[in-house]
Amino acid sequence: MEEVLTFRGKIGKWLSHNLTLWLIVIAIIGLTFWKNDLAFFLGLIFVLILLWARKWDWKFIGIEKPKSWKKLLFKSLIYSVLILIVVDIIITPWVEYILNTTVDLSSLNGIRGNFLNYIIFILIMWVIAAFGEEFVFRGLLVKRLGILLGNSKFTMWIAVVFSSLLFGLGHEYQGISGMISTGVVSFILGAIFIKNKNILWFTILTHGFYDVIGITLIYFSLEQDVYNILKNFIII
């Protein structure tokens, strides 16, 4: 006897269809080149509605219980520190030196020395960046797109590169250096996602810890002091 789908089930089946997923990916690409904020929120709204329609099937985007929460937290913290060292201390100075332009963080000046703004921004960051961006850029644009392209290690890496380009473009407000740096961060997060068997918790926590460190440094106006630790040794 054929199962009779509820209205919610029908929506879930339609939104999970390959054609629908392709249309969303194409729409995100187009909006990224026009209004990148709209592209992100389209992706996030789509993912949330899709999860609701699938009765909160979190595994569909890679959220599942890890074997050890302690190991997860420890590895995510280590990953975040490594990203800070590799991207912010090693790669970004080279990018700024070659392009003769710095990463534009002026949009975050409001949190410098302002504890209330700092706390509010941290909370917003966890919701929008750590969870929201990971839902879209790893859960949708890596996991689901990788499956659409053939569901192999190779197609997953293609999806990682693709999502990283879009992630970098989405940070246009940070200037060209910021776009490149955030694109590299996105690529590393994608690599972490693949290395850890597409479990999204690793990138959610890594992303969150990394941003907390960066926001805290900005709050104390110490980011340049920290980022310049190795700059003189890297660039002659």
C-alpha atoms as a PDB file:
ATOM      1  CA  MET A   1       0.000   0.000   0.000  1.00  0.00           C
ATOM      2  CA  GLU A   2       1.418   3.348  -1.061  1.00  0.00           C
ATOM      3  CA  GLU A   3       2.229   5.719   1.783  1.00  0.00           C
ATOM      4  CA  VAL A   4       0.034   8.821   1.849  1.00  0.00           C
ATOM      5  CA  LEU A   5       2.199  11.880   2.416  1.00  0.00           C
ATOM      6  CA  THR A   6       1.046  14.744   4.591  1.00  0.00           C
ATOM      7  CA  PHE A   7       1.312  18.334   3.365  1.00  0.00           C
ATOM      8  CA  ARG A   8       4.548  18.658   5.349  1.00  0.00           C
ATOM      9  CA  GLY A   9       5.863  15.427   3.869  1.00  0.00           C
ATOM     10  CA  LYS A  10       5.051  16.569   0.324  1.00  0.00           C
ATOM     11  CA  ILE A  11       6.973  19.807   0.888  1.00  0.00           C
ATOM     12  CA  GLY A  12       9.902  17.823   2.280  1.00  0.00           C
ATOM     13  CA  LYS A  13       9.908  15.500  -0.723  1.00  0.00           C
ATOM     14  CA  TRP A  14       9.754  18.415  -3.167  1.00  0.00           C
ATOM     15  CA  LEU A  15      12.474  20.439  -1.430  1.00  0.00           C
ATOM     16  CA  SER A  16      14.726  17.361  -1.238  1.00  0.00           C
ATOM     17  CA  HIS A  17      14.411  16.683  -4.959  1.00  0.00           C
ATOM     18  CA  ASN A  18      17.632  17.082  -6.935  1.00  0.00           C
ATOM     19  CA  LEU A  19      16.075  19.621  -9.298  1.00  0.00           C
ATOM     20  CA  THR A  20      14.978  21.833  -6.398  1.00  0.00           C
ATOM     21  CA  LEU A  21      18.419  21.630  -4.813  1.00  0.00           C
ATOM     22  CA  TRP A  22      20.060  22.571  -8.123  1.00  0.00           C
ATOM     23  CA  LEU A  23      17.720  25.541  -8.525  1.00  0.00           C
ATOM     24  CA  ILE A  24      18.586  26.774  -5.024  1.00  0.00           C
ATOM     25  CA  VAL A  25      22.322  26.436  -5.702  1.00  0.00           C
ATOM     26  CA  ILE A  26      21.952  28.389  -8.963  1.00  0.00           C
ATOM     27  CA  ALA A  27      19.878  31.060  -7.195  1.00  0.00           C
ATOM     28  CA  ILE A  28      22.543  31.398  -4.475  1.00  0.00           C
ATOM     29  CA  ILE A  29      25.233  31.831  -7.139  1.00  0.00           C
ATOM     30  CA  GLY A  30      23.258  34.531  -8.945  1.00  0.00           C
ATOM     31  CA  LEU A  31      22.384  36.429  -5.785  1.00  0.00           C
ATOM     32  CA  THR A  32      25.979  36.268  -4.529  1.00  0.00           C
ATOM     33  CA  PHE A  33      27.075  38.380  -7.497  1.00  0.00           C
ATOM     34  CA  TRP A  34      24.178  40.801  -6.961  1.00  0.00           C
ATOM     35  CA  LYS A  35      23.245  40.948  -3.260  1.00  0.00           C
ATOM     36  CA  ASN A  36      25.398  38.499  -1.310  1.00  0.00           C
ATOM     37  CA  ASP A  37      23.418  39.007   1.912  1.00  0.00           C
ATOM     38  CA  LEU A  38      20.273  37.880   0.117  1.00  0.00           C
ATOM     39  CA  ALA A  39      22.123  34.822  -1.188  1.00  0.00           C
ATOM     40  CA  PHE A  40      23.058  33.755   2.343  1.00  0.00           C
ATOM     41  CA  PHE A  41      19.601  34.341   3.800  1.00  0.00           C
ATOM     42  CA  LEU A  42      17.957  32.529   0.886  1.00  0.00           C
ATOM     43  CA  GLY A  43      20.179  29.535   1.585  1.00  0.00           C
ATOM     44  CA  LEU A  44      19.533  29.680   5.333  1.00  0.00           C
ATOM     45  CA  ILE A  45      15.759  30.022   4.996  1.00  0.00           C
ATOM     46  CA  PHE A  46      15.713  27.170   2.483  1.00  0.00           C
ATOM     47  CA  VAL A  47      17.712  24.887   4.805  1.00  0.00           C
ATOM     48  CA  LEU A  48      15.498  25.668   7.807  1.00  0.00           C
ATOM     49  CA  ILE A  49      12.271  25.064   5.854  1.00  0.00           C
ATOM     50  CA  LEU A  50      13.760  21.884   4.387  1.00  0.00           C
ATOM     51  CA  LEU A  51      14.692  20.585   7.835  1.00  0.00           C
ATOM     52  CA  TRP A  52      11.219  21.383   9.148  1.00  0.00           C
ATOM     53  CA  ALA A  53       9.579  19.636   6.198  1.00  0.00           C
ATOM     54  CA  ARG A  54      11.793  16.587   6.764  1.00  0.00           C
ATOM     55  CA  LYS A  55      10.730  16.509  10.442  1.00  0.00           C
ATOM     56  CA  TRP A  56      14.082  17.935  11.582  1.00  0.00           C
ATOM     57  CA  ASP A  57      16.205  15.310   9.862  1.00  0.00           C
ATOM     58  CA  TRP A  58      19.467  16.987  10.911  1.00  0.00           C
ATOM     59  CA  LYS A  59      21.608  14.275   9.321  1.00  0.00           C
ATOM     60  CA  PHE A  60      20.491  15.581   5.924  1.00  0.00           C
ATOM     61  CA  ILE A  61      22.937  18.488   6.334  1.00  0.00           C
ATOM     62  CA  GLY A  62      25.491  16.637   8.456  1.00  0.00           C
ATOM     63  CA  ILE A  63      24.411  17.272  12.043  1.00  0.00           C
ATOM     64  CA  GLU A  64      24.683  14.061  13.998  1.00  0.00           C
ATOM     65  CA  LYS A  65      25.890  13.076  17.439  1.00  0.00           C
ATOM     66  CA  PRO A  66      29.699  12.717  17.581  1.00  0.00           C
ATOM     67  CA  LYS A  67      31.350   9.747  19.276  1.00  0.00           C
ATOM     68  CA  SER A  68      32.832  12.012  21.929  1.00  0.00           C
ATOM     69  CA  TRP A  69      31.766  15.577  22.754  1.00  0.00           C
ATOM     70  CA  LYS A  70      35.025  16.170  24.646  1.00  0.00           C
ATOM     71  CA  LYS A  71      37.074  15.124  21.632  1.00  0.00           C
ATOM     72  CA  LEU A  72      34.866  17.260  19.399  1.00  0.00           C
ATOM     73  CA  LEU A  73      35.358  20.369  21.538  1.00  0.00           C
ATOM     74  CA  PHE A  74      39.100  19.815  21.857  1.00  0.00           C
ATOM     75  CA  LYS A  75      39.655  19.212  18.144  1.00  0.00           C
ATOM     76  CA  SER A  76      37.475  22.184  17.190  1.00  0.00           C
ATOM     77  CA  LEU A  77      39.450  24.499  19.487  1.00  0.00           C
ATOM     78  CA  ILE A  78      42.749  23.244  18.049  1.00  0.00           C
ATOM     79  CA  TYR A  79      41.408  23.697  14.510  1.00  0.00           C
ATOM     80  CA  SER A  80      40.371  27.284  15.275  1.00  0.00           C
ATOM     81  CA  VAL A  81      43.822  28.187  16.618  1.00  0.00           C
ATOM     82  CA  LEU A  82      45.496  26.569  13.599  1.00  0.00           C
ATOM     83  CA  ILE A  83      43.265  28.572  11.228  1.00  0.00           C
ATOM     84  CA  LEU A  84      44.232  31.752  13.098  1.00  0.00           C
ATOM     85  CA  ILE A  85      47.925  30.943  12.688  1.00  0.00           C
ATOM     86  CA  VAL A  86      47.771  29.711   9.084  1.00  0.00           C
ATOM     87  CA  VAL A  87      45.379  32.315   7.680  1.00  0.00           C
ATOM     88  CA  ASP A  88      45.656  35.432   9.837  1.00  0.00           C
ATOM     89  CA  ILE A  89      49.338  35.282  10.725  1.00  0.00           C
ATOM     90  CA  ILE A  90      50.878  33.566   7.688  1.00  0.00           C
ATOM     91  CA  ILE A  91      48.650  33.863   4.591  1.00  0.00           C
ATOM     92  CA  THR A  92      46.877  37.199   5.111  1.00  0.00           C
ATOM     93  CA  PRO A  93      50.095  39.269   5.498  1.00  0.00           C
ATOM     94  CA  TRP A  94      51.305  37.881   2.163  1.00  0.00           C
ATOM     95  CA  VAL A  95      47.958  38.686   0.512  1.00  0.00           C
ATOM     96  CA  GLU A  96      48.054  42.235   1.895  1.00  0.00           C
ATOM     97  CA  TYR A  97      51.686  42.649   0.841  1.00  0.00           C
ATOM     98  CA  ILE A  98      51.117  41.411  -2.719  1.00  0.00           C
ATOM     99  CA  LEU A  99      47.886  43.350  -3.270  1.00  0.00           C
ATOM    100  CA  ASN A 100      49.050  46.365  -1.275  1.00  0.00           C
ATOM    101  CA  THR A 101      45.733  46.529   0.577  1.00  0.00           C
ATOM    102  CA  THR A 102      44.658  45.503   4.055  1.00  0.00           C
ATOM    103  CA  VAL A 103      41.651  43.555   5.278  1.00  0.00           C
ATOM    104  CA  ASP A 104      38.908  46.081   6.026  1.00  0.00           C
ATOM    105  CA  LEU A 105      37.537  45.410   9.528  1.00  0.00           C
ATOM    106  CA  SER A 106      36.090  48.907   9.992  1.00  0.00           C
ATOM    107  CA  SER A 107      32.577  47.446  10.211  1.00  0.00           C
ATOM    108  CA  LEU A 108      33.588  45.944  13.563  1.00  0.00           C
ATOM    109  CA  ASN A 109      34.873  49.159  15.129  1.00  0.00           C
ATOM    110  CA  GLY A 110      31.708  49.403  17.207  1.00  0.00           C
ATOM    111  CA  ILE A 111      32.817  46.534  19.451  1.00  0.00           C
ATOM    112  CA  ARG A 112      36.230  48.015  20.321  1.00  0.00           C
ATOM    113  CA  GLY A 113      36.243  48.591  24.070  1.00  0.00           C
ATOM    114  CA  ASN A 114      32.441  48.337  24.223  1.00  0.00           C
ATOM    115  CA  PHE A 115      31.617  45.302  26.367  1.00  0.00           C
ATOM    116  CA  LEU A 116      27.854  45.311  25.668  1.00  0.00           C
ATOM    117  CA  ASN A 117      28.376  45.475  21.894  1.00  0.00           C
ATOM    118  CA  TYR A 118      31.037  42.786  22.217  1.00  0.00           C
ATOM    119  CA  ILE A 119      28.700  40.360  24.020  1.00  0.00           C
ATOM    120  CA  ILE A 120      25.802  41.068  21.649  1.00  0.00           C
ATOM    121  CA  PHE A 121      28.050  40.566  18.631  1.00  0.00           C
ATOM    122  CA  ILE A 122      29.368  37.273  20.032  1.00  0.00           C
ATOM    123  CA  LEU A 123      25.797  35.983  20.438  1.00  0.00           C
ATOM    124  CA  ILE A 124      24.806  37.121  16.947  1.00  0.00           C
ATOM    125  CA  MET A 125      27.972  35.563  15.537  1.00  0.00           C
ATOM    126  CA  TRP A 126      27.160  32.136  16.989  1.00  0.00           C
ATOM    127  CA  VAL A 127      23.667  32.230  15.487  1.00  0.00           C
ATOM    128  CA  ILE A 128      24.404  33.775  12.073  1.00  0.00           C
ATOM    129  CA  ALA A 129      28.016  32.756  11.384  1.00  0.00           C
ATOM    130  CA  ALA A 130      28.781  29.589  13.347  1.00  0.00           C
ATOM    131  CA  PHE A 131      25.406  27.921  12.814  1.00  0.00           C
ATOM    132  CA  GLY A 132      23.859  29.856   9.914  1.00  0.00           C
ATOM    133  CA  GLU A 133      26.862  29.984   7.592  1.00  0.00           C
ATOM    134  CA  GLU A 134      27.762  26.364   8.329  1.00  0.00           C
ATOM    135  CA  PHE A 135      24.213  25.249   7.534  1.00  0.00           C
ATOM    136  CA  VAL A 136      24.476  26.969   4.152  1.00  0.00           C
ATOM    137  CA  PHE A 137      28.127  26.670   3.101  1.00  0.00           C
ATOM    138  CA  ARG A 138      28.990  23.238   4.485  1.00  0.00           C
ATOM    139  CA  GLY A 139      25.621  21.572   5.088  1.00  0.00           C
ATOM    140  CA  LEU A 140      24.073  22.651   1.784  1.00  0.00           C
ATOM    141  CA  LEU A 141      26.860  23.739  -0.569  1.00  0.00           C
ATOM    142  CA  VAL A 142      29.359  21.032   0.367  1.00  0.00           C
ATOM    143  CA  LYS A 143      27.388  18.007   1.571  1.00  0.00           C
ATOM    144  CA  ARG A 144      24.308  18.254  -0.619  1.00  0.00           C
ATOM    145  CA  LEU A 145      26.079  19.708  -3.683  1.00  0.00           C
ATOM    146  CA  GLY A 146      28.820  17.076  -3.372  1.00  0.00           C
ATOM    147  CA  ILE A 147      26.132  14.386  -3.429  1.00  0.00           C
ATOM    148  CA  LEU A 148      24.411  16.018  -6.408  1.00  0.00           C
ATOM    149  CA  LEU A 149      27.693  16.015  -8.329  1.00  0.00           C
ATOM    150  CA  GLY A 150      28.273  12.297  -7.794  1.00  0.00           C
ATOM    151  CA  ASN A 151      28.734  11.640  -4.079  1.00  0.00           C
ATOM    152  CA  SER A 152      32.455  10.888  -4.145  1.00  0.00           C
ATOM    153  CA  LYS A 153      35.520  12.314  -2.408  1.00  0.00           C
ATOM    154  CA  PHE A 154      36.399  14.148  -5.629  1.00  0.00           C
ATOM    155  CA  THR A 155      32.968  15.777  -5.969  1.00  0.00           C
ATOM    156  CA  MET A 156      33.027  16.739  -2.291  1.00  0.00           C
ATOM    157  CA  TRP A 157      36.315  18.590  -2.877  1.00  0.00           C
ATOM    158  CA  ILE A 158      34.806  20.307  -5.917  1.00  0.00           C
ATOM    159  CA  ALA A 159      31.948  21.437  -3.676  1.00  0.00           C
ATOM    160  CA  VAL A 160      34.455  22.675  -1.071  1.00  0.00           C
ATOM    161  CA  VAL A 161      36.262  24.827  -3.656  1.00  0.00           C
ATOM    162  CA  PHE A 162      32.973  26.117  -5.049  1.00  0.00           C
ATOM    163  CA  SER A 163      31.525  27.015  -1.637  1.00  0.00           C
ATOM    164  CA  SER A 164      34.786  28.707  -0.634  1.00  0.00           C
ATOM    165  CA  LEU A 165      34.641  30.984  -3.677  1.00  0.00           C
ATOM    166  CA  LEU A 166      31.084  31.991  -2.802  1.00  0.00           C
ATOM    167  CA  PHE A 167      32.004  32.452   0.865  1.00  0.00           C
ATOM    168  CA  GLY A 168      34.868  34.757  -0.081  1.00  0.00           C
ATOM    169  CA  LEU A 169      32.661  36.777  -2.436  1.00  0.00           C
ATOM    170  CA  GLY A 170      30.121  37.079   0.360  1.00  0.00           C
ATOM    171  CA  HIS A 171      32.676  39.024   2.422  1.00  0.00           C
ATOM    172  CA  GLU A 172      33.150  41.769  -0.144  1.00  0.00           C
ATOM    173  CA  TYR A 173      32.780  44.413   2.589  1.00  0.00           C
ATOM    174  CA  GLN A 174      36.233  43.378   3.883  1.00  0.00           C
ATOM    175  CA  GLY A 175      37.915  44.331   0.617  1.00  0.00           C
ATOM    176  CA  ILE A 176      39.789  42.063  -1.794  1.00  0.00           C
ATOM    177  CA  SER A 177      42.269  40.907   0.875  1.00  0.00           C
ATOM    178  CA  GLY A 178      39.400  40.035   3.202  1.00  0.00           C
ATOM    179  CA  MET A 179      37.605  38.133   0.455  1.00  0.00           C
ATOM    180  CA  ILE A 180      40.685  36.022  -0.229  1.00  0.00           C
ATOM    181  CA  SER A 181      41.371  35.398   3.461  1.00  0.00           C
ATOM    182  CA  THR A 182      37.793  34.387   4.249  1.00  0.00           C
ATOM    183  CA  GLY A 183      37.756  32.192   1.151  1.00  0.00           C
ATOM    184  CA  VAL A 184      40.828  30.367   2.485  1.00  0.00           C
ATOM    185  CA  VAL A 185      39.160  30.011   5.890  1.00  0.00           C
ATOM    186  CA  SER A 186      36.117  28.516   4.163  1.00  0.00           C
ATOM    187  CA  PHE A 187      38.317  26.055   2.260  1.00  0.00           C
ATOM    188  CA  ILE A 188      39.948  24.904   5.501  1.00  0.00           C
ATOM    189  CA  LEU A 189      36.532  24.509   7.140  1.00  0.00           C
ATOM    190  CA  GLY A 190      35.463  22.423   4.137  1.00  0.00           C
ATOM    191  CA  ALA A 191      38.559  20.251   4.545  1.00  0.00           C
ATOM    192  CA  ILE A 192      37.750  19.816   8.246  1.00  0.00           C
ATOM    193  CA  PHE A 193      34.204  18.833   7.281  1.00  0.00           C
ATOM    194  CA  ILE A 194      35.424  16.137   4.888  1.00  0.00           C
ATOM    195  CA  LYS A 195      38.160  14.894   7.255  1.00  0.00           C
ATOM    196  CA  ASN A 196      35.603  14.402  10.009  1.00  0.00           C
ATOM    197  CA  LYS A 197      33.160  12.362   7.929  1.00  0.00           C
ATOM    198  CA  ASN A 198      30.856  15.285   7.084  1.00  0.00           C
ATOM    199  CA  ILE A 199      29.866  15.867  10.707  1.00  0.00           C
ATOM    200  CA  LEU A 200      28.827  19.516  10.759  1.00  0.00           C
ATOM    201  CA  TRP A 201      29.428  19.992  14.492  1.00  0.00           C
ATOM    202  CA  PHE A 202      33.181  20.168  13.828  1.00  0.00           C
ATOM    203  CA  THR A 203      32.885  23.159  11.518  1.00  0.00           C
ATOM    204  CA  ILE A 204      30.161  24.855  13.573  1.00  0.00           C
ATOM    205  CA  LEU A 205      32.338  24.848  16.693  1.00  0.00           C
ATOM    206  CA  THR A 206      35.593  25.566  14.831  1.00  0.00           C
ATOM    207  CA  HIS A 207      33.977  28.509  13.041  1.00  0.00           C
ATOM    208  CA  GLY A 208      32.522  29.784  16.302  1.00  0.00           C
ATOM    209  CA  PHE A 209      35.752  29.482  18.304  1.00  0.00           C
ATOM    210  CA  TYR A 210      37.766  31.106  15.513  1.00  0.00           C
ATOM    211  CA  ASP A 211      35.381  34.072  15.335  1.00  0.00           C
ATOM    212  CA  VAL A 212      35.299  34.424  19.134  1.00  0.00           C
ATOM    213  CA  ILE A 213      39.101  34.687  19.181  1.00  0.00           C
ATOM    214  CA  GLY A 214      39.085  37.252  16.371  1.00  0.00           C
ATOM    215  CA  ILE A 215      36.250  39.318  17.871  1.00  0.00           C
ATOM    216  CA  THR A 216      37.938  39.280  21.292  1.00  0.00           C
ATOM    217  CA  LEU A 217      41.192  40.535  19.788  1.00  0.00           C
ATOM    218  CA  ILE A 218      39.289  43.345  18.069  1.00  0.00           C
ATOM    219  CA  TYR A 219      37.483  44.201  21.319  1.00  0.00           C
ATOM    220  CA  PHE A 220      40.862  44.721  22.999  1.00  0.00           C
ATOM    221  CA  SER A 221      42.313  46.302  19.801  1.00  0.00           C
ATOM    222  CA  LEU A 222      45.038  43.653  19.812  1.00  0.00           C
ATOM    223  CA  GLU A 223      44.395  42.037  16.435  1.00  0.00           C
ATOM    224  CA  GLN A 224      47.226  43.811  14.635  1.00  0.00           C
ATOM    225  CA  ASP A 225      49.691  43.068  17.426  1.00  0.00           C
ATOM    226  CA  VAL A 226      48.847  39.367  17.267  1.00  0.00           C
ATOM    227  CA  TYR A 227      48.663  39.157  13.482  1.00  0.00           C
ATOM    228  CA  ASN A 228      52.024  40.900  13.155  1.00  0.00           C
ATOM    229  CA  ILE A 229      53.848  38.426  15.417  1.00  0.00           C
ATOM    230  CA  LEU A 230      55.315  36.539  12.464  1.00  0.00           C
ATOM    231  CA  LYS A 231      54.786  39.127   9.737  1.00  0.00           C
ATOM    232  CA  ASN A 232      58.322  40.470   9.852  1.00  0.00           C
ATOM    233  CA  PHE A 233      59.673  36.920   9.643  1.00  0.00           C
ATOM    234  CA  ILE A 234      57.388  35.894   6.795  1.00  0.00           C
ATOM    235  CA  ILE A 235      57.725  38.959   4.565  1.00  0.00           C
ATOM    236  CA  ILE A 236      61.223  40.281   3.937  1.00  0.00           C
END
